[in-house]
Amino acid sequence: MADNKDLPEIVAEILIELQKMNGKMNKLDSIDSRLERVEKHFEQVDSRLERVEGQQAKNNAAVGEIRFSVVKLAEQLEVVQKFDERIKALESVVFRKGA
């Protein structure tokens, strides 16, 4: 009969331990859900980073084309300047003789 008196105490201790374990499981579930949200956020960040890297590659290519265009424009300006100098030289000869 003494064992029967201890039985409610043992059952009560087991219930207390189960409640503690339940609380720990709830905390683990909460941590798990937070971890899932963090993983989703990192996936979104990774996706955005990939898009930014792709755009950066396109921008780099465009900048290269612009640099090439500026060099070509500078070359054409040199040609125009040389034509201008030649035209001025011709005008000075033509207008001096005509005057």
PDB file of N, CA and C in Angstrom:
ATOM      1  N   MET A   1       0.794  -1.199   0.000  1.00  0.00           N
ATOM      2  CA  MET A   1       0.000   0.000   0.000  1.00  0.00           C
ATOM      3  C   MET A   1       0.833   1.257   0.000  1.00  0.00           C
ATOM      4  N   ALA A   2       2.029   1.197   0.543  1.00  0.00           N
ATOM      5  CA  ALA A   2       2.900   2.369   0.569  1.00  0.00           C
ATOM      6  C   ALA A   2       3.266   2.768  -0.857  1.00  0.00           C
ATOM      7  N   ASP A   3       3.391   1.760  -1.708  1.00  0.00           N
ATOM      8  CA  ASP A   3       3.716   2.050  -3.102  1.00  0.00           C
ATOM      9  C   ASP A   3       2.572   2.775  -3.795  1.00  0.00           C
ATOM     10  N   ASN A   4       1.361   2.488  -3.395  1.00  0.00           N
ATOM     11  CA  ASN A   4       0.214   3.163  -3.984  1.00  0.00           C
ATOM     12  C   ASN A   4       0.189   4.638  -3.596  1.00  0.00           C
ATOM     13  N   LYS A   5       0.703   4.969  -2.404  1.00  0.00           N
ATOM     14  CA  LYS A   5       0.762   6.361  -1.992  1.00  0.00           C
ATOM     15  C   LYS A   5       1.822   7.108  -2.790  1.00  0.00           C
ATOM     16  N   ASP A   6       2.888   6.421  -3.146  1.00  0.00           N
ATOM     17  CA  ASP A   6       3.956   7.046  -3.940  1.00  0.00           C
ATOM     18  C   ASP A   6       3.538   7.221  -5.404  1.00  0.00           C
ATOM     19  N   LEU A   7       2.635   6.433  -5.872  1.00  0.00           N
ATOM     20  CA  LEU A   7       2.205   6.472  -7.270  1.00  0.00           C
ATOM     21  C   LEU A   7       1.672   7.846  -7.674  1.00  0.00           C
ATOM     22  N   PRO A   8       0.802   8.500  -6.915  1.00  0.00           N
ATOM     23  CA  PRO A   8       0.354   9.834  -7.322  1.00  0.00           C
ATOM     24  C   PRO A   8       1.504  10.848  -7.389  1.00  0.00           C
ATOM     25  N   GLU A   9       2.449  10.712  -6.476  1.00  0.00           N
ATOM     26  CA  GLU A   9       3.600  11.619  -6.505  1.00  0.00           C
ATOM     27  C   GLU A   9       4.436  11.383  -7.770  1.00  0.00           C
ATOM     28  N   ILE A  10       4.622  10.126  -8.103  1.00  0.00           N
ATOM     29  CA  ILE A  10       5.389   9.790  -9.309  1.00  0.00           C
ATOM     30  C   ILE A  10       4.665  10.299 -10.554  1.00  0.00           C
ATOM     31  N   VAL A  11       3.365  10.099 -10.595  1.00  0.00           N
ATOM     32  CA  VAL A  11       2.577  10.580 -11.735  1.00  0.00           C
ATOM     33  C   VAL A  11       2.650  12.105 -11.811  1.00  0.00           C
ATOM     34  N   ALA A  12       2.591  12.779 -10.658  1.00  0.00           N
ATOM     35  CA  ALA A  12       2.683  14.243 -10.637  1.00  0.00           C
ATOM     36  C   ALA A  12       4.039  14.698 -11.144  1.00  0.00           C
ATOM     37  N   GLU A  13       5.110  14.004 -10.729  1.00  0.00           N
ATOM     38  CA  GLU A  13       6.457  14.351 -11.198  1.00  0.00           C
ATOM     39  C   GLU A  13       6.575  14.133 -12.707  1.00  0.00           C
ATOM     40  N   ILE A  14       5.989  13.052 -13.164  1.00  0.00           N
ATOM     41  CA  ILE A  14       6.022  12.772 -14.608  1.00  0.00           C
ATOM     42  C   ILE A  14       5.278  13.865 -15.370  1.00  0.00           C
ATOM     43  N   LEU A  15       4.134  14.286 -14.847  1.00  0.00           N
ATOM     44  CA  LEU A  15       3.373  15.356 -15.502  1.00  0.00           C
ATOM     45  C   LEU A  15       4.169  16.659 -15.527  1.00  0.00           C
ATOM     46  N   ILE A  16       4.841  16.962 -14.416  1.00  0.00           N
ATOM     47  CA  ILE A  16       5.673  18.179 -14.375  1.00  0.00           C
ATOM     48  C   ILE A  16       6.779  18.097 -15.414  1.00  0.00           C
ATOM     49  N   GLU A  17       7.429  16.952 -15.507  1.00  0.00           N
ATOM     50  CA  GLU A  17       8.497  16.771 -16.496  1.00  0.00           C
ATOM     51  C   GLU A  17       7.938  16.873 -17.919  1.00  0.00           C
ATOM     52  N   LEU A  18       6.759  16.311 -18.145  1.00  0.00           N
ATOM     53  CA  LEU A  18       6.140  16.398 -19.469  1.00  0.00           C
ATOM     54  C   LEU A  18       5.801  17.841 -19.811  1.00  0.00           C
ATOM     55  N   GLN A  19       5.333  18.609 -18.837  1.00  0.00           N
ATOM     56  CA  GLN A  19       5.041  20.026 -19.083  1.00  0.00           C
ATOM     57  C   GLN A  19       6.318  20.791 -19.428  1.00  0.00           C
ATOM     58  N   LYS A  20       7.417  20.474 -18.718  1.00  0.00           N
ATOM     59  CA  LYS A  20       8.705  21.112 -19.027  1.00  0.00           C
ATOM     60  C   LYS A  20       9.138  20.751 -20.447  1.00  0.00           C
ATOM     61  N   MET A  21       8.990  19.456 -20.768  1.00  0.00           N
ATOM     62  CA  MET A  21       9.373  19.017 -22.114  1.00  0.00           C
ATOM     63  C   MET A  21       8.498  19.684 -23.168  1.00  0.00           C
ATOM     64  N   ASN A  22       7.205  19.844 -22.856  1.00  0.00           N
ATOM     65  CA  ASN A  22       6.283  20.506 -23.782  1.00  0.00           C
ATOM     66  C   ASN A  22       6.712  21.954 -23.992  1.00  0.00           C
ATOM     67  N   GLY A  23       7.093  22.631 -22.904  1.00  0.00           N
ATOM     68  CA  GLY A  23       7.586  24.011 -23.027  1.00  0.00           C
ATOM     69  C   GLY A  23       8.832  24.088 -23.886  1.00  0.00           C
ATOM     70  N   LYS A  24       9.733  23.111 -23.699  1.00  0.00           N
ATOM     71  CA  LYS A  24      10.963  23.077 -24.514  1.00  0.00           C
ATOM     72  C   LYS A  24      10.623  22.813 -25.976  1.00  0.00           C
ATOM     73  N   MET A  25       9.645  21.944 -26.206  1.00  0.00           N
ATOM     74  CA  MET A  25       9.237  21.654 -27.588  1.00  0.00           C
ATOM     75  C   MET A  25       8.643  22.904 -28.240  1.00  0.00           C
ATOM     76  N   ASN A  26       7.862  23.659 -27.460  1.00  0.00           N
ATOM     77  CA  ASN A  26       7.302  24.909 -28.000  1.00  0.00           C
ATOM     78  C   ASN A  26       8.416  25.884 -28.367  1.00  0.00           C
ATOM     79  N   LYS A  27       9.430  25.959 -27.497  1.00  0.00           N
ATOM     80  CA  LYS A  27      10.572  26.831 -27.807  1.00  0.00           C
ATOM     81  C   LYS A  27      11.281  26.352 -29.055  1.00  0.00           C
ATOM     82  N   LEU A  28      11.460  25.036 -29.175  1.00  0.00           N
ATOM     83  CA  LEU A  28      12.109  24.485 -30.367  1.00  0.00           C
ATOM     84  C   LEU A  28      11.282  24.770 -31.613  1.00  0.00           C
ATOM     85  N   ASP A  29       9.967  24.647 -31.508  1.00  0.00           N
ATOM     86  CA  ASP A  29       9.092  24.956 -32.641  1.00  0.00           C
ATOM     87  C   ASP A  29       9.231  26.428 -33.027  1.00  0.00           C
ATOM     88  N   SER A  30       9.307  27.292 -32.031  1.00  0.00           N
ATOM     89  CA  SER A  30       9.453  28.722 -32.286  1.00  0.00           C
ATOM     90  C   SER A  30      10.788  29.000 -32.968  1.00  0.00           C
ATOM     91  N   ILE A  31      11.827  28.364 -32.476  1.00  0.00           N
ATOM     92  CA  ILE A  31      13.159  28.534 -33.083  1.00  0.00           C
ATOM     93  C   ILE A  31      13.154  27.992 -34.497  1.00  0.00           C
ATOM     94  N   ASP A  32      12.504  26.864 -34.699  1.00  0.00           N
ATOM     95  CA  ASP A  32      12.429  26.261 -36.031  1.00  0.00           C
ATOM     96  C   ASP A  32      11.709  27.184 -37.008  1.00  0.00           C
ATOM     97  N   SER A  33      10.606  27.782 -36.569  1.00  0.00           N
ATOM     98  CA  SER A  33       9.873  28.683 -37.471  1.00  0.00           C
ATOM     99  C   SER A  33      10.701  29.934 -37.770  1.00  0.00           C
ATOM    100  N   ARG A  34      11.430  30.432 -36.768  1.00  0.00           N
ATOM    101  CA  ARG A  34      12.310  31.587 -37.019  1.00  0.00           C
ATOM    102  C   ARG A  34      13.403  31.224 -38.009  1.00  0.00           C
ATOM    103  N   LEU A  35      13.955  30.027 -37.843  1.00  0.00           N
ATOM    104  CA  LEU A  35      15.003  29.571 -38.750  1.00  0.00           C
ATOM    105  C   LEU A  35      14.469  29.470 -40.178  1.00  0.00           C
ATOM    106  N   GLU A  36      13.257  28.974 -40.328  1.00  0.00           N
ATOM    107  CA  GLU A  36      12.649  28.889 -41.664  1.00  0.00           C
ATOM    108  C   GLU A  36      12.479  30.278 -42.272  1.00  0.00           C
ATOM    109  N   ARG A  37      12.056  31.250 -41.453  1.00  0.00           N
ATOM    110  CA  ARG A  37      11.906  32.621 -41.960  1.00  0.00           C
ATOM    111  C   ARG A  37      13.252  33.197 -42.372  1.00  0.00           C
ATOM    112  N   VAL A  38      14.287  32.918 -41.572  1.00  0.00           N
ATOM    113  CA  VAL A  38      15.627  33.405 -41.902  1.00  0.00           C
ATOM    114  C   VAL A  38      16.112  32.765 -43.203  1.00  0.00           C
ATOM    115  N   GLU A  39      15.859  31.471 -43.371  1.00  0.00           N
ATOM    116  CA  GLU A  39      16.259  30.787 -44.601  1.00  0.00           C
ATOM    117  C   GLU A  39      15.552  31.390 -45.814  1.00  0.00           C
ATOM    118  N   LYS A  40      14.258  31.665 -45.682  1.00  0.00           N
ATOM    119  CA  LYS A  40      13.523  32.282 -46.786  1.00  0.00           C
ATOM    120  C   LYS A  40      14.082  33.665 -47.095  1.00  0.00           C
ATOM    121  N   HIS A  41      14.407  34.400 -46.041  1.00  0.00           N
ATOM    122  CA  HIS A  41      14.972  35.742 -46.235  1.00  0.00           C
ATOM    123  C   HIS A  41      16.311  35.648 -46.962  1.00  0.00           C
ATOM    124  N   PHE A  42      17.156  34.698 -46.564  1.00  0.00           N
ATOM    125  CA  PHE A  42      18.437  34.536 -47.234  1.00  0.00           C
ATOM    126  C   PHE A  42      18.252  34.126 -48.691  1.00  0.00           C
ATOM    127  N   GLU A  43      17.243  33.306 -48.966  1.00  0.00           N
ATOM    128  CA  GLU A  43      16.968  32.935 -50.355  1.00  0.00           C
ATOM    129  C   GLU A  43      16.581  34.171 -51.167  1.00  0.00           C
ATOM    130  N   GLN A  44      15.770  35.044 -50.569  1.00  0.00           N
ATOM    131  CA  GLN A  44      15.385  36.278 -51.264  1.00  0.00           C
ATOM    132  C   GLN A  44      16.594  37.170 -51.479  1.00  0.00           C
ATOM    133  N   VAL A  45      17.439  37.274 -50.458  1.00  0.00           N
ATOM    134  CA  VAL A  45      18.644  38.099 -50.579  1.00  0.00           C
ATOM    135  C   VAL A  45      19.562  37.522 -51.658  1.00  0.00           C
ATOM    136  N   ASP A  46      19.692  36.202 -51.679  1.00  0.00           N
ATOM    137  CA  ASP A  46      20.532  35.555 -52.683  1.00  0.00           C
ATOM    138  C   ASP A  46      19.997  35.819 -54.088  1.00  0.00           C
ATOM    139  N   SER A  47      18.682  35.738 -54.229  1.00  0.00           N
ATOM    140  CA  SER A  47      18.059  36.008 -55.527  1.00  0.00           C
ATOM    141  C   SER A  47      18.304  37.455 -55.950  1.00  0.00           C
ATOM    142  N   ARG A  48      18.126  38.374 -55.007  1.00  0.00           N
ATOM    143  CA  ARG A  48      18.377  39.791 -55.317  1.00  0.00           C
ATOM    144  C   ARG A  48      19.833  40.015 -55.690  1.00  0.00           C
ATOM    145  N   LEU A  49      20.737  39.360 -54.955  1.00  0.00           N
ATOM    146  CA  LEU A  49      22.164  39.511 -55.239  1.00  0.00           C
ATOM    147  C   LEU A  49      22.496  39.012 -56.638  1.00  0.00           C
ATOM    148  N   GLU A  50      21.895  37.902 -57.031  1.00  0.00           N
ATOM    149  CA  GLU A  50      22.123  37.381 -58.382  1.00  0.00           C
ATOM    150  C   GLU A  50      21.638  38.378 -59.432  1.00  0.00           C
ATOM    151  N   ARG A  51      20.465  38.988 -59.185  1.00  0.00           N
ATOM    152  CA  ARG A  51      19.956  39.979 -60.134  1.00  0.00           C
ATOM    153  C   ARG A  51      20.883  41.195 -60.190  1.00  0.00           C
ATOM    154  N   VAL A  52      21.366  41.624 -59.033  1.00  0.00           N
ATOM    155  CA  VAL A  52      22.268  42.783 -58.991  1.00  0.00           C
ATOM    156  C   VAL A  52      23.575  42.463 -59.717  1.00  0.00           C
ATOM    157  N   GLU A  53      24.093  41.251 -59.505  1.00  0.00           N
ATOM    158  CA  GLU A  53      25.317  40.856 -60.194  1.00  0.00           C
ATOM    159  C   GLU A  53      25.109  40.839 -61.706  1.00  0.00           C
ATOM    160  N   GLY A  54      23.958  40.331 -62.150  1.00  0.00           N
ATOM    161  CA  GLY A  54      23.653  40.328 -63.586  1.00  0.00           C
ATOM    162  C   GLY A  54      23.561  41.735 -64.136  1.00  0.00           C
ATOM    163  N   GLN A  55      22.897  42.618 -63.394  1.00  0.00           N
ATOM    164  CA  GLN A  55      22.786  44.007 -63.823  1.00  0.00           C
ATOM    165  C   GLN A  55      24.153  44.680 -63.832  1.00  0.00           C
ATOM    166  N   GLN A  56      24.988  44.353 -62.846  1.00  0.00           N
ATOM    167  CA  GLN A  56      26.330  44.932 -62.790  1.00  0.00           C
ATOM    168  C   GLN A  56      27.142  44.512 -64.013  1.00  0.00           C
ATOM    169  N   ALA A  57      27.005  43.257 -64.425  1.00  0.00           N
ATOM    170  CA  ALA A  57      27.716  42.789 -65.619  1.00  0.00           C
ATOM    171  C   ALA A  57      27.243  43.559 -66.850  1.00  0.00           C
ATOM    172  N   LYS A  58      25.914  43.780 -66.947  1.00  0.00           N
ATOM    173  CA  LYS A  58      25.391  44.556 -68.076  1.00  0.00           C
ATOM    174  C   LYS A  58      25.902  45.996 -68.029  1.00  0.00           C
ATOM    175  N   ASN A  59      25.919  46.574 -66.821  1.00  0.00           N
ATOM    176  CA  ASN A  59      26.410  47.949 -66.680  1.00  0.00           C
ATOM    177  C   ASN A  59      27.882  48.051 -67.068  1.00  0.00           C
ATOM    178  N   ASN A  60      28.678  47.066 -66.660  1.00  0.00           N
ATOM    179  CA  ASN A  60      30.095  47.068 -67.005  1.00  0.00           C
ATOM    180  C   ASN A  60      30.283  47.007 -68.520  1.00  0.00           C
ATOM    181  N   ALA A  61      29.482  46.179 -69.176  1.00  0.00           N
ATOM    182  CA  ALA A  61      29.574  46.081 -70.639  1.00  0.00           C
ATOM    183  C   ALA A  61      29.176  47.409 -71.279  1.00  0.00           C
ATOM    184  N   ALA A  62      28.127  48.042 -70.758  1.00  0.00           N
ATOM    185  CA  ALA A  62      27.680  49.328 -71.302  1.00  0.00           C
ATOM    186  C   ALA A  62      28.736  50.406 -71.090  1.00  0.00           C
ATOM    187  N   VAL A  63      29.366  50.406 -69.927  1.00  0.00           N
ATOM    188  CA  VAL A  63      30.420  51.387 -69.654  1.00  0.00           C
ATOM    189  C   VAL A  63      31.581  51.178 -70.628  1.00  0.00           C
ATOM    190  N   GLY A  64      31.906  49.923 -70.894  1.00  0.00           N
ATOM    191  CA  GLY A  64      32.967  49.635 -71.873  1.00  0.00           C
ATOM    192  C   GLY A  64      32.618  50.182 -73.248  1.00  0.00           C
ATOM    193  N   GLU A  65      31.360  50.019 -73.653  1.00  0.00           N
ATOM    194  CA  GLU A  65      30.927  50.546 -74.949  1.00  0.00           C
ATOM    195  C   GLU A  65      30.978  52.077 -74.963  1.00  0.00           C
ATOM    196  N   ILE A  66      30.587  52.680 -73.862  1.00  0.00           N
ATOM    197  CA  ILE A  66      30.625  54.148 -73.793  1.00  0.00           C
ATOM    198  C   ILE A  66      32.060  54.645 -73.874  1.00  0.00           C
ATOM    199  N   ARG A  67      32.973  53.979 -73.188  1.00  0.00           N
ATOM    200  CA  ARG A  67      34.390  54.374 -73.257  1.00  0.00           C
ATOM    201  C   ARG A  67      34.899  54.286 -74.696  1.00  0.00           C
ATOM    202  N   PHE A  68      34.542  53.191 -75.354  1.00  0.00           N
ATOM    203  CA  PHE A  68      34.966  53.019 -76.744  1.00  0.00           C
ATOM    204  C   PHE A  68      34.386  54.141 -77.618  1.00  0.00           C
ATOM    205  N   SER A  69      33.126  54.477 -77.384  1.00  0.00           N
ATOM    206  CA  SER A  69      32.487  55.541 -78.146  1.00  0.00           C
ATOM    207  C   SER A  69      33.153  56.890 -77.891  1.00  0.00           C
ATOM    208  N   VAL A  70      33.535  57.147 -76.661  1.00  0.00           N
ATOM    209  CA  VAL A  70      34.200  58.414 -76.332  1.00  0.00           C
ATOM    210  C   VAL A  70      35.550  58.495 -77.035  1.00  0.00           C
ATOM    211  N   VAL A  71      36.276  57.395 -77.075  1.00  0.00           N
ATOM    212  CA  VAL A  71      37.567  57.383 -77.777  1.00  0.00           C
ATOM    213  C   VAL A  71      37.349  57.652 -79.262  1.00  0.00           C
ATOM    214  N   LYS A  72      36.347  57.006 -79.850  1.00  0.00           N
ATOM    215  CA  LYS A  72      36.053  57.233 -81.274  1.00  0.00           C
ATOM    216  C   LYS A  72      35.652  58.690 -81.518  1.00  0.00           C
ATOM    217  N   LEU A  73      34.855  59.245 -80.619  1.00  0.00           N
ATOM    218  CA  LEU A  73      34.442  60.641 -80.743  1.00  0.00           C
ATOM    219  C   LEU A  73      35.645  61.567 -80.665  1.00  0.00           C
ATOM    220  N   ALA A  74      36.561  61.283 -79.764  1.00  0.00           N
ATOM    221  CA  ALA A  74      37.770  62.104 -79.648  1.00  0.00           C
ATOM    222  C   ALA A  74      38.586  62.037 -80.935  1.00  0.00           C
ATOM    223  N   GLU A  75      38.671  60.857 -81.514  1.00  0.00           N
ATOM    224  CA  GLU A  75      39.396  60.723 -82.785  1.00  0.00           C
ATOM    225  C   GLU A  75      38.720  61.547 -83.874  1.00  0.00           C
ATOM    226  N   GLN A  76      37.392  61.505 -83.937  1.00  0.00           N
ATOM    227  CA  GLN A  76      36.664  62.271 -84.947  1.00  0.00           C
ATOM    228  C   GLN A  76      36.821  63.773 -84.711  1.00  0.00           C
ATOM    229  N   LEU A  77      36.866  64.185 -83.432  1.00  0.00           N
ATOM    230  CA  LEU A  77      37.084  65.604 -83.142  1.00  0.00           C
ATOM    231  C   LEU A  77      38.462  66.058 -83.607  1.00  0.00           C
ATOM    232  N   GLU A  78      39.450  65.181 -83.483  1.00  0.00           N
ATOM    233  CA  GLU A  78      40.783  65.507 -83.984  1.00  0.00           C
ATOM    234  C   GLU A  78      40.750  65.692 -85.494  1.00  0.00           C
ATOM    235  N   VAL A  79      40.011  64.824 -86.187  1.00  0.00           N
ATOM    236  CA  VAL A  79      39.890  64.940 -87.649  1.00  0.00           C
ATOM    237  C   VAL A  79      39.217  66.269 -88.005  1.00  0.00           C
ATOM    238  N   VAL A  80      38.132  66.603 -87.286  1.00  0.00           N
ATOM    239  CA  VAL A  80      37.417  67.852 -87.548  1.00  0.00           C
ATOM    240  C   VAL A  80      38.342  69.041 -87.281  1.00  0.00           C
ATOM    241  N   GLN A  81      39.126  68.974 -86.223  1.00  0.00           N
ATOM    242  CA  GLN A  81      40.046  70.077 -85.901  1.00  0.00           C
ATOM    243  C   GLN A  81      41.092  70.241 -87.004  1.00  0.00           C
ATOM    244  N   LYS A  82      41.595  69.135 -87.528  1.00  0.00           N
ATOM    245  CA  LYS A  82      42.583  69.212 -88.614  1.00  0.00           C
ATOM    246  C   LYS A  82      41.948  69.807 -89.869  1.00  0.00           C
ATOM    247  N   PHE A  83      40.688  69.401 -90.165  1.00  0.00           N
ATOM    248  CA  PHE A  83      39.991  69.999 -91.307  1.00  0.00           C
ATOM    249  C   PHE A  83      39.813  71.502 -91.098  1.00  0.00           C
ATOM    250  N   ASP A  84      39.461  71.890 -89.888  1.00  0.00           N
ATOM    251  CA  ASP A  84      39.273  73.300 -89.571  1.00  0.00           C
ATOM    252  C   ASP A  84      40.573  74.079 -89.804  1.00  0.00           C
ATOM    253  N   GLU A  85      41.685  73.518 -89.351  1.00  0.00           N
ATOM    254  CA  GLU A  85      42.981  74.178 -89.555  1.00  0.00           C
ATOM    255  C   GLU A  85      43.299  74.292 -91.048  1.00  0.00           C
ATOM    256  N   ARG A  86      43.041  73.239 -91.813  1.00  0.00           N
ATOM    257  CA  ARG A  86      43.319  73.271 -93.256  1.00  0.00           C
ATOM    258  C   ARG A  86      42.422  74.290 -93.967  1.00  0.00           C
ATOM    259  N   ILE A  87      41.132  74.328 -93.528  1.00  0.00           N
ATOM    260  CA  ILE A  87      40.208  75.286 -94.146  1.00  0.00           C
ATOM    261  C   ILE A  87      40.635  76.709 -93.830  1.00  0.00           C
ATOM    262  N   LYS A  88      41.042  76.965 -92.626  1.00  0.00           N
ATOM    263  CA  LYS A  88      41.513  78.310 -92.260  1.00  0.00           C
ATOM    264  C   LYS A  88      42.747  78.696 -93.070  1.00  0.00           C
ATOM    265  N   ALA A  89      43.649  77.735 -93.254  1.00  0.00           N
ATOM    266  CA  ALA A  89      44.850  78.016 -94.053  1.00  0.00           C
ATOM    267  C   ALA A  89      44.456  78.336 -95.491  1.00  0.00           C
ATOM    268  N   LEU A  90      43.516  77.559 -96.060  1.00  0.00           N
ATOM    269  CA  LEU A  90      43.059  77.810 -97.423  1.00  0.00           C
ATOM    270  C   LEU A  90      42.333  79.157 -97.523  1.00  0.00           C
ATOM    271  N   GLU A  91      41.506  79.469 -96.543  1.00  0.00           N
ATOM    272  CA  GLU A  91      40.804  80.746 -96.566  1.00  0.00           C
ATOM    273  C   GLU A  91      41.768  81.922 -96.494  1.00  0.00           C
ATOM    274  N   SER A  92      42.795  81.758 -95.686  1.00  0.00           N
ATOM    275  CA  SER A  92      43.748  82.871 -95.582  1.00  0.00           C
ATOM    276  C   SER A  92      44.473  83.097 -96.906  1.00  0.00           C
ATOM    277  N   VAL A  93      44.745  82.011 -97.623  1.00  0.00           N
ATOM    278  CA  VAL A  93      45.414  82.151 -98.926  1.00  0.00           C
ATOM    279  C   VAL A  93      44.436  82.711 -99.945  1.00  0.00           C
ATOM    280  N   VAL A  94      43.228  82.183-100.010  1.00  0.00           N
ATOM    281  CA  VAL A  94      42.260  82.607-101.007  1.00  0.00           C
ATOM    282  C   VAL A  94      41.832  84.048-100.772  1.00  0.00           C
ATOM    283  N   PHE A  95      41.524  84.413 -99.561  1.00  0.00           N
ATOM    284  CA  PHE A  95      41.023  85.764 -99.293  1.00  0.00           C
ATOM    285  C   PHE A  95      42.126  86.806 -99.361  1.00  0.00           C
ATOM    286  N   ARG A  96      43.377  86.383 -99.111  1.00  0.00           N
ATOM    287  CA  ARG A  96      44.474  87.346 -99.215  1.00  0.00           C
ATOM    288  C   ARG A  96      44.712  87.669-100.692  1.00  0.00           C
ATOM    289  N   LYS A  97      44.619  86.694-101.549  1.00  0.00           N
ATOM    290  CA  LYS A  97      44.839  86.927-102.992  1.00  0.00           C
ATOM    291  C   LYS A  97      43.674  87.693-103.585  1.00  0.00           C
ATOM    292  N   GLY A  98      42.491  87.441-103.089  1.00  0.00           N
ATOM    293  CA  GLY A  98      41.299  88.085-103.653  1.00  0.00           C
ATOM    294  C   GLY A  98      41.166  89.525-103.190  1.00  0.00           C
ATOM    295  N   ALA A  99      41.791  89.901-102.128  1.00  0.00           N
ATOM    296  CA  ALA A  99      41.606  91.256-101.598  1.00  0.00           C
ATOM    297  C   ALA A  99      42.396  92.269-102.276  1.00  0.00           C
TER     298      ALA A  99
END
